[in-house]
Amino acid sequence: MMKMFFISGLFLITLIGCNSSVVESFSFERDTPAWLKIKIDSISTQKYYWGTVINRYKWNNNYLFEFTIPVSSCMFCDIYFYDGTKNKFIDAKAVQSYINTRTDKVFVWKYPTR
């Protein structure tokens, strides 16, 4: 009986260990694609982008980079896939899905302030 309890406990610990997700730390240099570094260099000198924040999210098994531009009248217009392709939501339902199911928010960059 004790042996069965021990084996069951060991199995449970192993199962829990396999399901836990390992959170990796984000490194700007390692985890930011080249196209995004170039874009950041370009926008970091333009006043239009003052206050802009870029966050990375995971959505539908993809990483997306979301630009939040305070002076823009268009929300969720500047979202790019990891490869640099601009995401174009097909309808409001897709936008709602993105808002409700995106995960793993990681801060990437903010417009430099003085």
C-alpha atoms as a PDB file:
ATOM      1  CA  MET A   1       0.000   0.000   0.000  1.00  0.00           C
ATOM      2  CA  MET A   2       2.796   2.413   0.937  1.00  0.00           C
ATOM      3  CA  LYS A   3       4.636   1.564  -2.296  1.00  0.00           C
ATOM      4  CA  MET A   4       1.520   2.393  -4.358  1.00  0.00           C
ATOM      5  CA  PHE A   5       1.138   5.734  -2.501  1.00  0.00           C
ATOM      6  CA  PHE A   6       4.792   6.573  -3.165  1.00  0.00           C
ATOM      7  CA  ILE A   7       4.536   5.714  -6.869  1.00  0.00           C
ATOM      8  CA  SER A   8       1.313   7.729  -7.221  1.00  0.00           C
ATOM      9  CA  GLY A   9       2.917  10.713  -5.492  1.00  0.00           C
ATOM     10  CA  LEU A  10       5.998  10.494  -7.683  1.00  0.00           C
ATOM     11  CA  PHE A  11       3.821  10.307 -10.793  1.00  0.00           C
ATOM     12  CA  LEU A  12       1.822  13.352  -9.662  1.00  0.00           C
ATOM     13  CA  ILE A  13       4.974  15.392  -8.993  1.00  0.00           C
ATOM     14  CA  THR A  14       6.360  14.437 -12.410  1.00  0.00           C
ATOM     15  CA  LEU A  15       3.082  15.360 -14.105  1.00  0.00           C
ATOM     16  CA  ILE A  16       2.950  18.745 -12.391  1.00  0.00           C
ATOM     17  CA  GLY A  17       6.595  19.378 -13.260  1.00  0.00           C
ATOM     18  CA  CYS A  18       5.967  18.671 -16.932  1.00  0.00           C
ATOM     19  CA  ASN A  19       3.017  21.039 -17.124  1.00  0.00           C
ATOM     20  CA  SER A  20       4.727  24.009 -15.549  1.00  0.00           C
ATOM     21  CA  SER A  21       5.894  26.587 -18.011  1.00  0.00           C
ATOM     22  CA  VAL A  22       9.359  28.030 -17.806  1.00  0.00           C
ATOM     23  CA  VAL A  23       9.311  31.796 -18.117  1.00  0.00           C
ATOM     24  CA  GLU A  24      12.331  33.022 -19.996  1.00  0.00           C
ATOM     25  CA  SER A  25      13.629  36.504 -19.462  1.00  0.00           C
ATOM     26  CA  PHE A  26      13.346  38.817 -22.438  1.00  0.00           C
ATOM     27  CA  SER A  27      16.562  40.212 -23.857  1.00  0.00           C
ATOM     28  CA  PHE A  28      16.240  43.157 -26.241  1.00  0.00           C
ATOM     29  CA  GLU A  29      19.403  42.190 -28.092  1.00  0.00           C
ATOM     30  CA  ARG A  30      18.582  38.492 -28.363  1.00  0.00           C
ATOM     31  CA  ASP A  31      14.781  38.532 -28.763  1.00  0.00           C
ATOM     32  CA  THR A  32      14.147  41.591 -30.925  1.00  0.00           C
ATOM     33  CA  PRO A  33      14.241  40.908 -34.674  1.00  0.00           C
ATOM     34  CA  ALA A  34      16.501  43.016 -36.879  1.00  0.00           C
ATOM     35  CA  TRP A  35      13.604  44.684 -38.742  1.00  0.00           C
ATOM     36  CA  LEU A  36      12.192  45.938 -35.419  1.00  0.00           C
ATOM     37  CA  LYS A  37      15.545  47.325 -34.262  1.00  0.00           C
ATOM     38  CA  ILE A  38      15.775  49.265 -37.541  1.00  0.00           C
ATOM     39  CA  LYS A  39      12.198  50.551 -37.121  1.00  0.00           C
ATOM     40  CA  ILE A  40      12.924  51.619 -33.540  1.00  0.00           C
ATOM     41  CA  ASP A  41      16.033  53.510 -34.690  1.00  0.00           C
ATOM     42  CA  SER A  42      13.887  55.270 -37.281  1.00  0.00           C
ATOM     43  CA  ILE A  43      10.966  56.253 -35.038  1.00  0.00           C
ATOM     44  CA  SER A  44      13.055  57.183 -32.001  1.00  0.00           C
ATOM     45  CA  THR A  45      13.918  60.519 -33.623  1.00  0.00           C
ATOM     46  CA  GLN A  46      10.415  61.453 -34.827  1.00  0.00           C
ATOM     47  CA  LYS A  47       8.274  63.560 -32.483  1.00  0.00           C
ATOM     48  CA  TYR A  48       5.073  61.920 -33.748  1.00  0.00           C
ATOM     49  CA  TYR A  49       6.080  58.792 -31.856  1.00  0.00           C
ATOM     50  CA  TRP A  50       6.729  60.532 -28.514  1.00  0.00           C
ATOM     51  CA  GLY A  51       5.370  58.289 -25.757  1.00  0.00           C
ATOM     52  CA  THR A  52       5.126  55.226 -27.999  1.00  0.00           C
ATOM     53  CA  VAL A  53       5.480  51.898 -26.256  1.00  0.00           C
ATOM     54  CA  ILE A  54       6.178  48.571 -27.937  1.00  0.00           C
ATOM     55  CA  ASN A  55       5.121  45.362 -26.214  1.00  0.00           C
ATOM     56  CA  ARG A  56       5.404  41.799 -27.408  1.00  0.00           C
ATOM     57  CA  TYR A  57       2.467  39.435 -26.941  1.00  0.00           C
ATOM     58  CA  LYS A  58       1.795  35.827 -27.757  1.00  0.00           C
ATOM     59  CA  TRP A  59      -1.421  35.266 -29.714  1.00  0.00           C
ATOM     60  CA  ASN A  60      -2.550  32.224 -31.700  1.00  0.00           C
ATOM     61  CA  ASN A  61       0.890  30.624 -31.196  1.00  0.00           C
ATOM     62  CA  ASN A  62       2.649  33.638 -32.723  1.00  0.00           C
ATOM     63  CA  TYR A  63       4.626  36.497 -31.236  1.00  0.00           C
ATOM     64  CA  LEU A  64       3.303  39.914 -32.184  1.00  0.00           C
ATOM     65  CA  PHE A  65       4.762  43.338 -31.536  1.00  0.00           C
ATOM     66  CA  GLU A  66       2.142  45.928 -30.628  1.00  0.00           C
ATOM     67  CA  PHE A  67       2.919  49.625 -31.005  1.00  0.00           C
ATOM     68  CA  THR A  68       0.864  51.888 -28.768  1.00  0.00           C
ATOM     69  CA  ILE A  69       1.165  55.395 -30.202  1.00  0.00           C
ATOM     70  CA  PRO A  70      -0.522  57.996 -27.979  1.00  0.00           C
ATOM     71  CA  VAL A  71      -1.217  60.522 -30.762  1.00  0.00           C
ATOM     72  CA  SER A  72      -2.631  57.940 -33.169  1.00  0.00           C
ATOM     73  CA  SER A  73      -6.385  57.755 -33.636  1.00  0.00           C
ATOM     74  CA  CYS A  74      -6.144  54.125 -34.687  1.00  0.00           C
ATOM     75  CA  MET A  75      -5.926  51.475 -31.995  1.00  0.00           C
ATOM     76  CA  PHE A  76      -4.419  48.096 -32.896  1.00  0.00           C
ATOM     77  CA  CYS A  77      -3.275  49.372 -36.290  1.00  0.00           C
ATOM     78  CA  ASP A  78       0.434  48.929 -35.686  1.00  0.00           C
ATOM     79  CA  ILE A  79       0.802  45.269 -34.797  1.00  0.00           C
ATOM     80  CA  TYR A  80       3.460  43.183 -36.481  1.00  0.00           C
ATOM     81  CA  PHE A  81       4.229  39.499 -36.550  1.00  0.00           C
ATOM     82  CA  TYR A  82       7.711  38.383 -35.507  1.00  0.00           C
ATOM     83  CA  ASP A  83       8.809  38.277 -39.161  1.00  0.00           C
ATOM     84  CA  GLY A  84       7.832  41.943 -39.682  1.00  0.00           C
ATOM     85  CA  THR A  85       4.582  41.338 -41.538  1.00  0.00           C
ATOM     86  CA  LYS A  86       1.943  43.833 -40.474  1.00  0.00           C
ATOM     87  CA  ASN A  87      -1.113  42.189 -38.950  1.00  0.00           C
ATOM     88  CA  LYS A  88      -4.362  43.249 -40.564  1.00  0.00           C
ATOM     89  CA  PHE A  89      -7.408  42.310 -38.546  1.00  0.00           C
ATOM     90  CA  ILE A  90     -10.211  41.273 -40.850  1.00  0.00           C
ATOM     91  CA  ASP A  91     -13.026  42.441 -38.575  1.00  0.00           C
ATOM     92  CA  ALA A  92     -13.990  43.574 -35.085  1.00  0.00           C
ATOM     93  CA  LYS A  93     -14.359  39.955 -33.979  1.00  0.00           C
ATOM     94  CA  ALA A  94     -10.680  39.317 -34.725  1.00  0.00           C
ATOM     95  CA  VAL A  95      -9.670  42.435 -32.786  1.00  0.00           C
ATOM     96  CA  GLN A  96     -11.770  41.271 -29.831  1.00  0.00           C
ATOM     97  CA  SER A  97     -10.165  37.835 -30.006  1.00  0.00           C
ATOM     98  CA  TYR A  98      -6.732  39.447 -29.951  1.00  0.00           C
ATOM     99  CA  ILE A  99      -7.598  41.624 -26.954  1.00  0.00           C
ATOM    100  CA  ASN A 100      -9.128  38.744 -24.991  1.00  0.00           C
ATOM    101  CA  THR A 101      -6.671  35.952 -25.754  1.00  0.00           C
ATOM    102  CA  ARG A 102      -3.235  37.569 -26.095  1.00  0.00           C
ATOM    103  CA  THR A 103      -0.831  36.480 -23.378  1.00  0.00           C
ATOM    104  CA  ASP A 104       2.755  36.783 -22.171  1.00  0.00           C
ATOM    105  CA  LYS A 105       3.062  40.565 -22.374  1.00  0.00           C
ATOM    106  CA  VAL A 106       6.690  41.647 -22.500  1.00  0.00           C
ATOM    107  CA  PHE A 107       7.885  45.253 -22.569  1.00  0.00           C
ATOM    108  CA  VAL A 108      10.199  45.820 -25.536  1.00  0.00           C
ATOM    109  CA  TRP A 109      10.793  49.556 -25.956  1.00  0.00           C
ATOM    110  CA  LYS A 110       9.527  53.036 -25.067  1.00  0.00           C
ATOM    111  CA  TYR A 111      10.210  56.310 -26.860  1.00  0.00           C
ATOM    112  CA  PRO A 112      13.119  57.905 -25.022  1.00  0.00           C
ATOM    113  CA  THR A 113      12.199  60.788 -22.770  1.00  0.00           C
ATOM    114  CA  ARG A 114      14.525  63.491 -21.589  1.00  0.00           C
END
